[in-house]
Amino acid sequence: MTPNEKAAQLIVDNQLKIKSLDYKEAVACAIVTVEEIIKTEPRYPSNVDWDDCGATHQYYYESQREEALIFWNQVKQILERL
């Protein structure tokens, strides 16, 4: 899933769960959700492979964290532009 697809999914999910939300409110809720995910230092989603980071678990999990942080920050930027 791309950052654009994830941003759209979060907006739709908010609108489906809370019927009274308009589009801007759903976007605001999605931004809060993404900010909370970023605070937890996520490791997923990640496209990092063992071979990409030296094939040791020490580097693998750090690479996952970095990739996920980039992904979620991209999602947040997309939402903030809406």
N, C-alpha and C. Protein backbone atom coordinates (compact mmCIF):
# COMPACT_ATOMS: atom_id res chain seq x y z
N MET A 1 0.84 -1.17 0.00
CA MET A 1 0.00 0.00 0.00
C MET A 1 0.89 1.24 0.00
N THR A 2 0.56 2.18 -0.85
CA THR A 2 1.34 3.41 -0.93
C THR A 2 0.88 4.39 0.16
N PRO A 3 1.69 5.41 0.45
CA PRO A 3 1.26 6.42 1.42
C PRO A 3 -0.06 7.09 1.01
N ASN A 4 -0.24 7.35 -0.28
CA ASN A 4 -1.50 7.94 -0.76
C ASN A 4 -2.69 7.03 -0.49
N GLU A 5 -2.52 5.75 -0.76
CA GLU A 5 -3.60 4.79 -0.53
C GLU A 5 -3.91 4.69 0.96
N LYS A 6 -2.88 4.69 1.79
CA LYS A 6 -3.09 4.59 3.24
C LYS A 6 -3.81 5.83 3.76
N ALA A 7 -3.44 7.02 3.28
CA ALA A 7 -4.11 8.25 3.70
C ALA A 7 -5.59 8.19 3.33
N ALA A 8 -5.89 7.78 2.11
CA ALA A 8 -7.28 7.67 1.67
C ALA A 8 -8.04 6.65 2.50
N GLN A 9 -7.41 5.53 2.79
CA GLN A 9 -8.06 4.48 3.59
C GLN A 9 -8.39 5.00 4.99
N LEU A 10 -7.48 5.73 5.60
CA LEU A 10 -7.74 6.27 6.94
C LEU A 10 -8.91 7.24 6.94
N ILE A 11 -9.00 8.06 5.93
CA ILE A 11 -10.11 9.01 5.83
C ILE A 11 -11.43 8.26 5.70
N VAL A 12 -11.48 7.32 4.79
CA VAL A 12 -12.70 6.54 4.57
C VAL A 12 -13.07 5.76 5.83
N ASP A 13 -12.10 5.15 6.48
CA ASP A 13 -12.38 4.39 7.70
C ASP A 13 -13.00 5.28 8.77
N ASN A 14 -12.48 6.50 8.92
CA ASN A 14 -13.05 7.42 9.90
C ASN A 14 -14.48 7.79 9.54
N GLN A 15 -14.74 8.05 8.27
CA GLN A 15 -16.08 8.41 7.85
C GLN A 15 -17.07 7.26 8.01
N LEU A 16 -16.60 6.05 7.79
CA LEU A 16 -17.48 4.88 7.95
C LEU A 16 -17.79 4.59 9.41
N LYS A 17 -16.82 4.79 10.26
CA LYS A 17 -17.01 4.48 11.68
C LYS A 17 -17.80 5.56 12.42
N ILE A 18 -17.58 6.80 12.02
CA ILE A 18 -18.29 7.92 12.67
C ILE A 18 -19.05 8.65 11.57
N LYS A 19 -20.31 8.30 11.42
CA LYS A 19 -21.12 8.77 10.30
C LYS A 19 -21.27 10.29 10.26
N SER A 20 -21.16 10.94 11.41
CA SER A 20 -21.39 12.38 11.45
C SER A 20 -20.19 13.22 11.03
N LEU A 21 -19.06 12.58 10.74
CA LEU A 21 -17.86 13.32 10.35
C LEU A 21 -17.96 13.80 8.90
N ASP A 22 -17.62 15.07 8.69
CA ASP A 22 -17.48 15.52 7.31
C ASP A 22 -16.03 15.21 6.88
N TYR A 23 -15.72 15.55 5.64
CA TYR A 23 -14.41 15.20 5.09
C TYR A 23 -13.26 15.81 5.88
N LYS A 24 -13.34 17.10 6.19
CA LYS A 24 -12.25 17.78 6.92
C LYS A 24 -12.07 17.19 8.31
N GLU A 25 -13.16 16.84 8.96
CA GLU A 25 -13.06 16.22 10.29
C GLU A 25 -12.43 14.83 10.20
N ALA A 26 -12.77 14.10 9.15
CA ALA A 26 -12.18 12.77 8.95
C ALA A 26 -10.68 12.88 8.69
N VAL A 27 -10.28 13.90 7.95
CA VAL A 27 -8.85 14.14 7.70
C VAL A 27 -8.14 14.47 9.01
N ALA A 28 -8.74 15.33 9.82
CA ALA A 28 -8.15 15.70 11.11
C ALA A 28 -7.99 14.48 12.01
N CYS A 29 -8.99 13.61 12.02
CA CYS A 29 -8.89 12.38 12.82
C CYS A 29 -7.79 11.47 12.29
N ALA A 30 -7.65 11.40 10.98
CA ALA A 30 -6.61 10.57 10.38
C ALA A 30 -5.23 11.09 10.75
N ILE A 31 -5.07 12.42 10.79
CA ILE A 31 -3.79 13.00 11.17
C ILE A 31 -3.45 12.64 12.61
N VAL A 32 -4.43 12.72 13.50
CA VAL A 32 -4.21 12.35 14.90
C VAL A 32 -3.80 10.88 14.99
N THR A 33 -4.46 10.04 14.22
CA THR A 33 -4.13 8.61 14.21
C THR A 33 -2.68 8.39 13.79
N VAL A 34 -2.28 9.04 12.71
CA VAL A 34 -0.91 8.87 12.19
C VAL A 34 0.11 9.41 13.20
N GLU A 35 -0.19 10.53 13.83
CA GLU A 35 0.72 11.07 14.84
C GLU A 35 0.92 10.09 15.99
N GLU A 36 -0.15 9.42 16.38
CA GLU A 36 -0.04 8.42 17.45
C GLU A 36 0.78 7.22 17.00
N ILE A 37 0.61 6.81 15.75
CA ILE A 37 1.42 5.70 15.22
C ILE A 37 2.89 6.08 15.21
N ILE A 38 3.20 7.29 14.79
CA ILE A 38 4.60 7.75 14.74
C ILE A 38 5.21 7.76 16.14
N LYS A 39 4.44 8.16 17.14
CA LYS A 39 4.95 8.19 18.52
C LYS A 39 5.35 6.81 19.03
N THR A 40 4.74 5.76 18.49
CA THR A 40 5.03 4.40 18.96
C THR A 40 6.26 3.80 18.30
N GLU A 41 6.93 4.56 17.43
CA GLU A 41 8.09 4.08 16.69
C GLU A 41 7.78 2.78 15.96
N PRO A 42 6.91 2.86 14.96
CA PRO A 42 6.46 1.65 14.26
C PRO A 42 7.57 0.96 13.48
N ARG A 43 7.36 -0.34 13.26
CA ARG A 43 8.28 -1.11 12.40
C ARG A 43 7.59 -1.54 11.12
N TYR A 44 6.32 -1.39 11.02
CA TYR A 44 5.57 -1.85 9.86
C TYR A 44 4.71 -0.72 9.35
N PRO A 45 4.41 -0.58 8.09
CA PRO A 45 4.86 -1.46 7.02
C PRO A 45 6.32 -1.22 6.66
N SER A 46 6.94 -2.24 6.15
CA SER A 46 8.36 -2.14 5.83
C SER A 46 8.66 -3.02 4.63
N ASN A 47 9.46 -2.50 3.75
CA ASN A 47 9.91 -3.27 2.59
C ASN A 47 11.35 -3.72 2.74
N VAL A 48 11.89 -3.56 3.95
CA VAL A 48 13.28 -3.90 4.19
C VAL A 48 13.46 -5.41 4.21
N ASP A 49 14.47 -5.86 3.53
CA ASP A 49 14.81 -7.28 3.48
C ASP A 49 16.10 -7.51 4.27
N TRP A 50 16.25 -8.72 4.79
CA TRP A 50 17.47 -9.05 5.54
C TRP A 50 18.72 -8.69 4.76
N ASP A 51 18.73 -8.99 3.47
CA ASP A 51 19.90 -8.74 2.64
C ASP A 51 20.17 -7.25 2.45
N ASP A 52 19.13 -6.42 2.55
CA ASP A 52 19.30 -4.98 2.34
C ASP A 52 20.06 -4.30 3.48
N CYS A 53 20.13 -4.95 4.62
CA CYS A 53 20.69 -4.26 5.79
C CYS A 53 21.75 -5.09 6.51
N GLY A 54 22.43 -5.93 5.81
CA GLY A 54 23.55 -6.64 6.41
C GLY A 54 23.21 -8.00 6.98
N ALA A 55 21.96 -8.45 6.86
CA ALA A 55 21.53 -9.80 7.24
C ALA A 55 21.68 -10.12 8.73
N THR A 56 21.71 -9.12 9.59
CA THR A 56 21.68 -9.41 11.02
C THR A 56 20.46 -8.76 11.63
N HIS A 57 19.91 -9.39 12.64
CA HIS A 57 18.67 -8.87 13.23
C HIS A 57 18.86 -7.47 13.79
N GLN A 58 20.05 -7.15 14.26
CA GLN A 58 20.29 -5.83 14.83
C GLN A 58 20.01 -4.74 13.80
N TYR A 59 20.50 -4.89 12.60
CA TYR A 59 20.30 -3.90 11.56
C TYR A 59 18.94 -4.03 10.91
N TYR A 60 18.43 -5.24 10.85
CA TYR A 60 17.13 -5.46 10.20
C TYR A 60 16.03 -4.69 10.91
N TYR A 61 15.93 -4.81 12.22
CA TYR A 61 14.85 -4.14 12.94
C TYR A 61 15.01 -2.63 12.93
N GLU A 62 16.23 -2.13 12.97
CA GLU A 62 16.45 -0.68 12.87
C GLU A 62 16.05 -0.19 11.48
N SER A 63 16.35 -0.95 10.46
CA SER A 63 15.97 -0.58 9.10
C SER A 63 14.45 -0.59 8.94
N GLN A 64 13.79 -1.56 9.56
CA GLN A 64 12.33 -1.59 9.53
C GLN A 64 11.76 -0.33 10.16
N ARG A 65 12.31 0.06 11.28
CA ARG A 65 11.84 1.24 11.99
C ARG A 65 12.02 2.49 11.13
N GLU A 66 13.17 2.62 10.50
CA GLU A 66 13.43 3.78 9.65
C GLU A 66 12.48 3.82 8.46
N GLU A 67 12.28 2.68 7.80
CA GLU A 67 11.38 2.63 6.64
C GLU A 67 9.95 2.94 7.04
N ALA A 68 9.50 2.40 8.16
CA ALA A 68 8.14 2.65 8.62
C ALA A 68 7.95 4.11 8.99
N LEU A 69 8.93 4.70 9.63
CA LEU A 69 8.85 6.11 10.00
C LEU A 69 8.75 7.00 8.76
N ILE A 70 9.51 6.68 7.75
CA ILE A 70 9.42 7.41 6.48
C ILE A 70 8.02 7.28 5.89
N PHE A 71 7.50 6.06 5.88
CA PHE A 71 6.16 5.80 5.33
C PHE A 71 5.10 6.62 6.06
N TRP A 72 5.09 6.53 7.40
CA TRP A 72 4.05 7.22 8.17
C TRP A 72 4.20 8.74 8.09
N ASN A 73 5.40 9.24 7.98
CA ASN A 73 5.58 10.69 7.80
C ASN A 73 5.07 11.13 6.42
N GLN A 74 5.23 10.28 5.42
CA GLN A 74 4.68 10.60 4.10
C GLN A 74 3.16 10.63 4.15
N VAL A 75 2.56 9.67 4.85
CA VAL A 75 1.10 9.65 5.00
C VAL A 75 0.63 10.94 5.69
N LYS A 76 1.33 11.33 6.74
CA LYS A 76 0.97 12.55 7.47
C LYS A 76 1.07 13.78 6.56
N GLN A 77 2.12 13.87 5.78
CA GLN A 77 2.28 15.01 4.86
C GLN A 77 1.15 15.08 3.85
N ILE A 78 0.75 13.94 3.34
CA ILE A 78 -0.37 13.88 2.38
C ILE A 78 -1.64 14.37 3.04
N LEU A 79 -1.91 13.90 4.25
CA LEU A 79 -3.12 14.31 4.96
C LEU A 79 -3.11 15.81 5.27
N GLU A 80 -1.96 16.33 5.63
CA GLU A 80 -1.87 17.75 5.97
C GLU A 80 -2.09 18.65 4.77
N ARG A 81 -1.83 18.14 3.57
CA ARG A 81 -2.03 18.94 2.35
C ARG A 81 -3.49 18.99 1.93
N LEU A 82 -4.31 18.11 2.51
CA LEU A 82 -5.73 18.06 2.10
C LEU A 82 -6.55 19.15 2.72
